Amino acid sequence: MMYKYILNKDTKNNELSIGECCEVDVGQLQTMYQEIYQIEKIQKAMNEGSLALINQLRTTNLYPCTYVMEKIATKVVTLIKTDSDPEQPIEIVFHDLDIIPRKEEPPTDLVPEEVNIDTILDQDEEIDETPFEDGAFLDPDELDPGDSLNVSIDETVNPEDDI
């Protein structure tokens, strides 16, 4: 989807306007919202830094992502620093596919070219016979009959019984 932001400075009324346009059909943009700012407030935010300027420019209705907002703020600084009104409004055009980072293709050299499943199945796997921390293996004969882990194979549970 394509987005266009139109920045216009009106020194006569001491205002800066930012209009947001979105693509409603292929190649057809429609103005969705326009925000009007007092130039004095923008200049004060510019003196406080880029984050303050971005926070001043963002509103409930005009809240583009940080990447886009940084580009808008850069153009706003340029526009405010000019002494006269520009002959044409400044247009900033973004396509959302340009903003979203692209995934890289995984390297092909990490995946083996051919894997034969029969070879894998025929390989003898070593069984880990490392004892537990206390030095002994778990022997089913040594389990306490009241232990919750000691469940007889032929023992069934009746769902109607109270547990």
C-alpha atoms as a PDB file:
ATOM      1  CA  MET A   1       0.000   0.000   0.000  1.00  0.00           C
ATOM      2  CA  MET A   2       1.275   3.432  -0.848  1.00  0.00           C
ATOM      3  CA  TYR A   3       1.220   6.377   1.548  1.00  0.00           C
ATOM      4  CA  LYS A   4       1.854  10.013   0.770  1.00  0.00           C
ATOM      5  CA  TYR A   5       2.361  12.819   3.245  1.00  0.00           C
ATOM      6  CA  ILE A   6       1.915  16.382   2.057  1.00  0.00           C
ATOM      7  CA  LEU A   7       3.660  19.108   4.056  1.00  0.00           C
ATOM      8  CA  ASN A   8       2.654  22.722   3.539  1.00  0.00           C
ATOM      9  CA  LYS A   9       3.818  25.862   5.328  1.00  0.00           C
ATOM     10  CA  ASP A  10       1.603  28.935   5.593  1.00  0.00           C
ATOM     11  CA  THR A  11       3.602  31.811   7.126  1.00  0.00           C
ATOM     12  CA  LYS A  12       0.665  34.209   6.741  1.00  0.00           C
ATOM     13  CA  ASN A  13      -1.381  32.164   9.236  1.00  0.00           C
ATOM     14  CA  ASN A  14       1.731  30.878  11.055  1.00  0.00           C
ATOM     15  CA  GLU A  15       0.688  27.255  10.389  1.00  0.00           C
ATOM     16  CA  LEU A  16       2.157  24.019   9.151  1.00  0.00           C
ATOM     17  CA  SER A  17      -0.117  21.334   7.759  1.00  0.00           C
ATOM     18  CA  ILE A  18       0.567  17.661   7.215  1.00  0.00           C
ATOM     19  CA  GLY A  19      -1.867  15.675   5.117  1.00  0.00           C
ATOM     20  CA  GLU A  20      -1.896  11.898   4.986  1.00  0.00           C
ATOM     21  CA  CYS A  21      -2.998  10.170   1.790  1.00  0.00           C
ATOM     22  CA  CYS A  22      -3.465   6.431   1.329  1.00  0.00           C
ATOM     23  CA  GLU A  23      -3.810   4.281  -1.740  1.00  0.00           C
ATOM     24  CA  VAL A  24      -7.464   3.239  -2.045  1.00  0.00           C
ATOM     25  CA  ASP A  25      -7.019   1.635  -5.460  1.00  0.00           C
ATOM     26  CA  VAL A  26      -3.979   0.952  -7.597  1.00  0.00           C
ATOM     27  CA  GLY A  27      -2.439   4.338  -8.300  1.00  0.00           C
ATOM     28  CA  GLN A  28      -5.353   6.235  -6.719  1.00  0.00           C
ATOM     29  CA  LEU A  29      -4.580   8.152  -3.508  1.00  0.00           C
ATOM     30  CA  GLN A  30      -7.156   9.703  -1.218  1.00  0.00           C
ATOM     31  CA  THR A  31      -6.551  12.195   1.583  1.00  0.00           C
ATOM     32  CA  MET A  32      -7.361  10.462   4.837  1.00  0.00           C
ATOM     33  CA  TYR A  33      -6.501  13.170   7.326  1.00  0.00           C
ATOM     34  CA  GLN A  34      -4.890  16.570   7.632  1.00  0.00           C
ATOM     35  CA  GLU A  35      -3.339  17.952  10.803  1.00  0.00           C
ATOM     36  CA  ILE A  36      -2.613  21.665  11.302  1.00  0.00           C
ATOM     37  CA  TYR A  37       0.141  22.833  13.691  1.00  0.00           C
ATOM     38  CA  GLN A  38       1.191  26.224  14.999  1.00  0.00           C
ATOM     39  CA  ILE A  39       4.710  26.983  13.762  1.00  0.00           C
ATOM     40  CA  GLU A  40       5.797  28.322  17.188  1.00  0.00           C
ATOM     41  CA  LYS A  41       5.039  24.957  18.819  1.00  0.00           C
ATOM     42  CA  ILE A  42       6.947  23.123  16.087  1.00  0.00           C
ATOM     43  CA  GLN A  43       9.954  25.445  16.493  1.00  0.00           C
ATOM     44  CA  LYS A  44       9.945  24.923  20.260  1.00  0.00           C
ATOM     45  CA  ALA A  45       9.893  21.133  19.771  1.00  0.00           C
ATOM     46  CA  MET A  46      12.706  21.409  17.199  1.00  0.00           C
ATOM     47  CA  ASN A  47      14.859  23.201  19.800  1.00  0.00           C
ATOM     48  CA  GLU A  48      14.239  20.349  22.275  1.00  0.00           C
ATOM     49  CA  GLY A  49      15.413  17.652  19.850  1.00  0.00           C
ATOM     50  CA  SER A  50      14.176  15.181  17.277  1.00  0.00           C
ATOM     51  CA  LEU A  51      12.201  13.034  19.740  1.00  0.00           C
ATOM     52  CA  ALA A  52      10.335  16.096  21.031  1.00  0.00           C
ATOM     53  CA  LEU A  53       9.573  17.118  17.449  1.00  0.00           C
ATOM     54  CA  ILE A  54       8.270  13.653  16.575  1.00  0.00           C
ATOM     55  CA  ASN A  55       6.102  13.650  19.708  1.00  0.00           C
ATOM     56  CA  GLN A  56       4.742  17.086  18.795  1.00  0.00           C
ATOM     57  CA  LEU A  57       3.907  15.996  15.243  1.00  0.00           C
ATOM     58  CA  ARG A  58       2.187  12.765  16.256  1.00  0.00           C
ATOM     59  CA  THR A  59      -1.487  12.968  17.095  1.00  0.00           C
ATOM     60  CA  THR A  60      -4.261  10.481  17.675  1.00  0.00           C
ATOM     61  CA  ASN A  61      -5.218  10.671  14.001  1.00  0.00           C
ATOM     62  CA  LEU A  62      -1.739  11.105  12.510  1.00  0.00           C
ATOM     63  CA  TYR A  63       0.549   8.447  13.968  1.00  0.00           C
ATOM     64  CA  PRO A  64       2.832   6.887  11.348  1.00  0.00           C
ATOM     65  CA  CYS A  65       5.531   4.392  12.301  1.00  0.00           C
ATOM     66  CA  THR A  66       8.853   5.715  13.591  1.00  0.00           C
ATOM     67  CA  TYR A  67      10.683   5.167  10.292  1.00  0.00           C
ATOM     68  CA  VAL A  68       8.160   7.300   8.408  1.00  0.00           C
ATOM     69  CA  MET A  69       7.862   9.840  11.212  1.00  0.00           C
ATOM     70  CA  GLU A  70      11.632  10.426  11.197  1.00  0.00           C
ATOM     71  CA  LYS A  71      11.502  11.188   7.461  1.00  0.00           C
ATOM     72  CA  ILE A  72       8.571  13.559   7.975  1.00  0.00           C
ATOM     73  CA  ALA A  73      10.351  15.310  10.872  1.00  0.00           C
ATOM     74  CA  THR A  74      13.459  15.825   8.723  1.00  0.00           C
ATOM     75  CA  LYS A  75      11.378  17.495   6.002  1.00  0.00           C
ATOM     76  CA  VAL A  76       9.497  19.569   8.598  1.00  0.00           C
ATOM     77  CA  VAL A  77      12.809  20.946   9.934  1.00  0.00           C
ATOM     78  CA  THR A  78      13.858  21.882   6.397  1.00  0.00           C
ATOM     79  CA  LEU A  79      10.482  23.472   5.715  1.00  0.00           C
ATOM     80  CA  ILE A  80      10.389  25.475   8.959  1.00  0.00           C
ATOM     81  CA  LYS A  81      13.945  26.762   8.461  1.00  0.00           C
ATOM     82  CA  THR A  82      13.069  28.297   5.082  1.00  0.00           C
ATOM     83  CA  ASP A  83      12.048  31.930   5.357  1.00  0.00           C
ATOM     84  CA  SER A  84       9.316  31.922   2.745  1.00  0.00           C
ATOM     85  CA  ASP A  85       6.465  29.625   1.881  1.00  0.00           C
ATOM     86  CA  PRO A  86       7.394  27.008  -0.715  1.00  0.00           C
ATOM     87  CA  GLU A  87       5.789  27.287  -4.117  1.00  0.00           C
ATOM     88  CA  GLN A  88       4.759  23.642  -3.972  1.00  0.00           C
ATOM     89  CA  PRO A  89       3.959  21.501  -0.946  1.00  0.00           C
ATOM     90  CA  ILE A  90       6.569  18.920  -0.011  1.00  0.00           C
ATOM     91  CA  GLU A  91       5.451  15.381  -0.787  1.00  0.00           C
ATOM     92  CA  ILE A  92       6.884  12.305   0.899  1.00  0.00           C
ATOM     93  CA  VAL A  93       5.857   8.996  -0.649  1.00  0.00           C
ATOM     94  CA  PHE A  94       6.281   5.607   1.024  1.00  0.00           C
ATOM     95  CA  HIS A  95       5.303   2.122   0.029  1.00  0.00           C
ATOM     96  CA  ASP A  96       4.751  -0.213   2.973  1.00  0.00           C
ATOM     97  CA  LEU A  97       6.882  -2.891   1.283  1.00  0.00           C
ATOM     98  CA  ASP A  98       9.826  -0.464   1.388  1.00  0.00           C
ATOM     99  CA  ILE A  99       9.385   0.003   5.126  1.00  0.00           C
ATOM    100  CA  ILE A 100       9.112  -3.666   6.124  1.00  0.00           C
ATOM    101  CA  PRO A 101      12.513  -5.384   6.236  1.00  0.00           C
ATOM    102  CA  ARG A 102      12.862  -8.248   3.808  1.00  0.00           C
ATOM    103  CA  LYS A 103      13.757 -11.703   5.026  1.00  0.00           C
ATOM    104  CA  GLU A 104      17.008 -13.052   3.757  1.00  0.00           C
ATOM    105  CA  GLU A 105      17.062 -16.416   2.043  1.00  0.00           C
ATOM    106  CA  PRO A 106      18.601 -19.104   4.254  1.00  0.00           C
ATOM    107  CA  PRO A 107      22.065 -20.225   3.200  1.00  0.00           C
ATOM    108  CA  THR A 108      21.857 -23.326   1.062  1.00  0.00           C
ATOM    109  CA  ASP A 109      25.167 -24.760   2.218  1.00  0.00           C
ATOM    110  CA  LEU A 110      23.781 -25.558   5.689  1.00  0.00           C
ATOM    111  CA  VAL A 111      21.282 -28.100   4.402  1.00  0.00           C
ATOM    112  CA  PRO A 112      22.748 -31.438   3.232  1.00  0.00           C
ATOM    113  CA  GLU A 113      22.031 -32.134  -0.402  1.00  0.00           C
ATOM    114  CA  GLU A 114      20.768 -35.694   0.124  1.00  0.00           C
ATOM    115  CA  VAL A 115      19.763 -37.511   3.259  1.00  0.00           C
ATOM    116  CA  ASN A 116      19.188 -41.246   3.073  1.00  0.00           C
ATOM    117  CA  ILE A 117      16.702 -42.247   5.788  1.00  0.00           C
ATOM    118  CA  ASP A 118      17.759 -45.919   5.639  1.00  0.00           C
ATOM    119  CA  THR A 119      21.325 -44.960   6.515  1.00  0.00           C
ATOM    120  CA  ILE A 120      20.101 -43.000   9.501  1.00  0.00           C
ATOM    121  CA  LEU A 121      17.873 -45.844  10.702  1.00  0.00           C
ATOM    122  CA  ASP A 122      20.630 -48.437  10.306  1.00  0.00           C
ATOM    123  CA  GLN A 123      23.056 -46.489  12.445  1.00  0.00           C
ATOM    124  CA  ASP A 124      23.484 -47.885  15.952  1.00  0.00           C
ATOM    125  CA  GLU A 125      22.701 -45.271  18.518  1.00  0.00           C
ATOM    126  CA  GLU A 126      24.528 -45.404  21.776  1.00  0.00           C
ATOM    127  CA  ILE A 127      22.214 -45.548  24.758  1.00  0.00           C
ATOM    128  CA  ASP A 128      23.006 -43.046  27.431  1.00  0.00           C
ATOM    129  CA  GLU A 129      23.594 -45.054  30.575  1.00  0.00           C
ATOM    130  CA  THR A 130      24.784 -42.168  32.671  1.00  0.00           C
ATOM    131  CA  PRO A 131      23.525 -42.585  36.249  1.00  0.00           C
ATOM    132  CA  PHE A 132      21.319 -39.982  37.896  1.00  0.00           C
ATOM    133  CA  GLU A 133      22.877 -37.414  40.179  1.00  0.00           C
ATOM    134  CA  ASP A 134      22.674 -39.657  43.248  1.00  0.00           C
ATOM    135  CA  GLY A 135      24.714 -42.310  41.469  1.00  0.00           C
ATOM    136  CA  ALA A 136      21.969 -44.884  41.003  1.00  0.00           C
ATOM    137  CA  PHE A 137      19.631 -45.827  38.216  1.00  0.00           C
ATOM    138  CA  LEU A 138      15.899 -45.755  38.777  1.00  0.00           C
ATOM    139  CA  ASP A 139      14.876 -49.307  39.680  1.00  0.00           C
ATOM    140  CA  PRO A 140      11.113 -49.964  39.440  1.00  0.00           C
ATOM    141  CA  ASP A 141      11.339 -52.496  42.301  1.00  0.00           C
ATOM    142  CA  GLU A 142      12.661 -49.823  44.638  1.00  0.00           C
ATOM    143  CA  LEU A 143       9.724 -47.428  44.143  1.00  0.00           C
ATOM    144  CA  ASP A 144       7.545 -46.692  47.138  1.00  0.00           C
ATOM    145  CA  PRO A 145       4.055 -48.177  46.581  1.00  0.00           C
ATOM    146  CA  GLY A 146       2.494 -44.863  47.589  1.00  0.00           C
ATOM    147  CA  ASP A 147       4.637 -42.923  45.143  1.00  0.00           C
ATOM    148  CA  SER A 148       2.588 -41.092  42.498  1.00  0.00           C
ATOM    149  CA  LEU A 149       5.015 -42.333  39.832  1.00  0.00           C
ATOM    150  CA  ASN A 150       4.337 -45.968  40.698  1.00  0.00           C
ATOM    151  CA  VAL A 151       1.316 -46.801  38.568  1.00  0.00           C
ATOM    152  CA  SER A 152       0.497 -50.383  37.695  1.00  0.00           C
ATOM    153  CA  ILE A 153       0.007 -51.081  34.020  1.00  0.00           C
ATOM    154  CA  ASP A 154      -3.288 -52.916  34.613  1.00  0.00           C
ATOM    155  CA  GLU A 155      -4.594 -50.289  37.023  1.00  0.00           C
ATOM    156  CA  THR A 156      -7.413 -48.318  35.470  1.00  0.00           C
ATOM    157  CA  VAL A 157      -9.009 -45.114  36.608  1.00  0.00           C
ATOM    158  CA  ASN A 158     -12.744 -44.865  36.918  1.00  0.00           C
ATOM    159  CA  PRO A 159     -13.842 -41.306  36.096  1.00  0.00           C
ATOM    160  CA  GLU A 160     -16.700 -41.558  38.598  1.00  0.00           C
ATOM    161  CA  ASP A 161     -14.311 -42.205  41.502  1.00  0.00           C
ATOM    162  CA  ASP A 162     -13.348 -39.303  43.711  1.00  0.00           C
ATOM    163  CA  ILE A 163      -9.734 -38.435  43.293  1.00  0.00           C
END
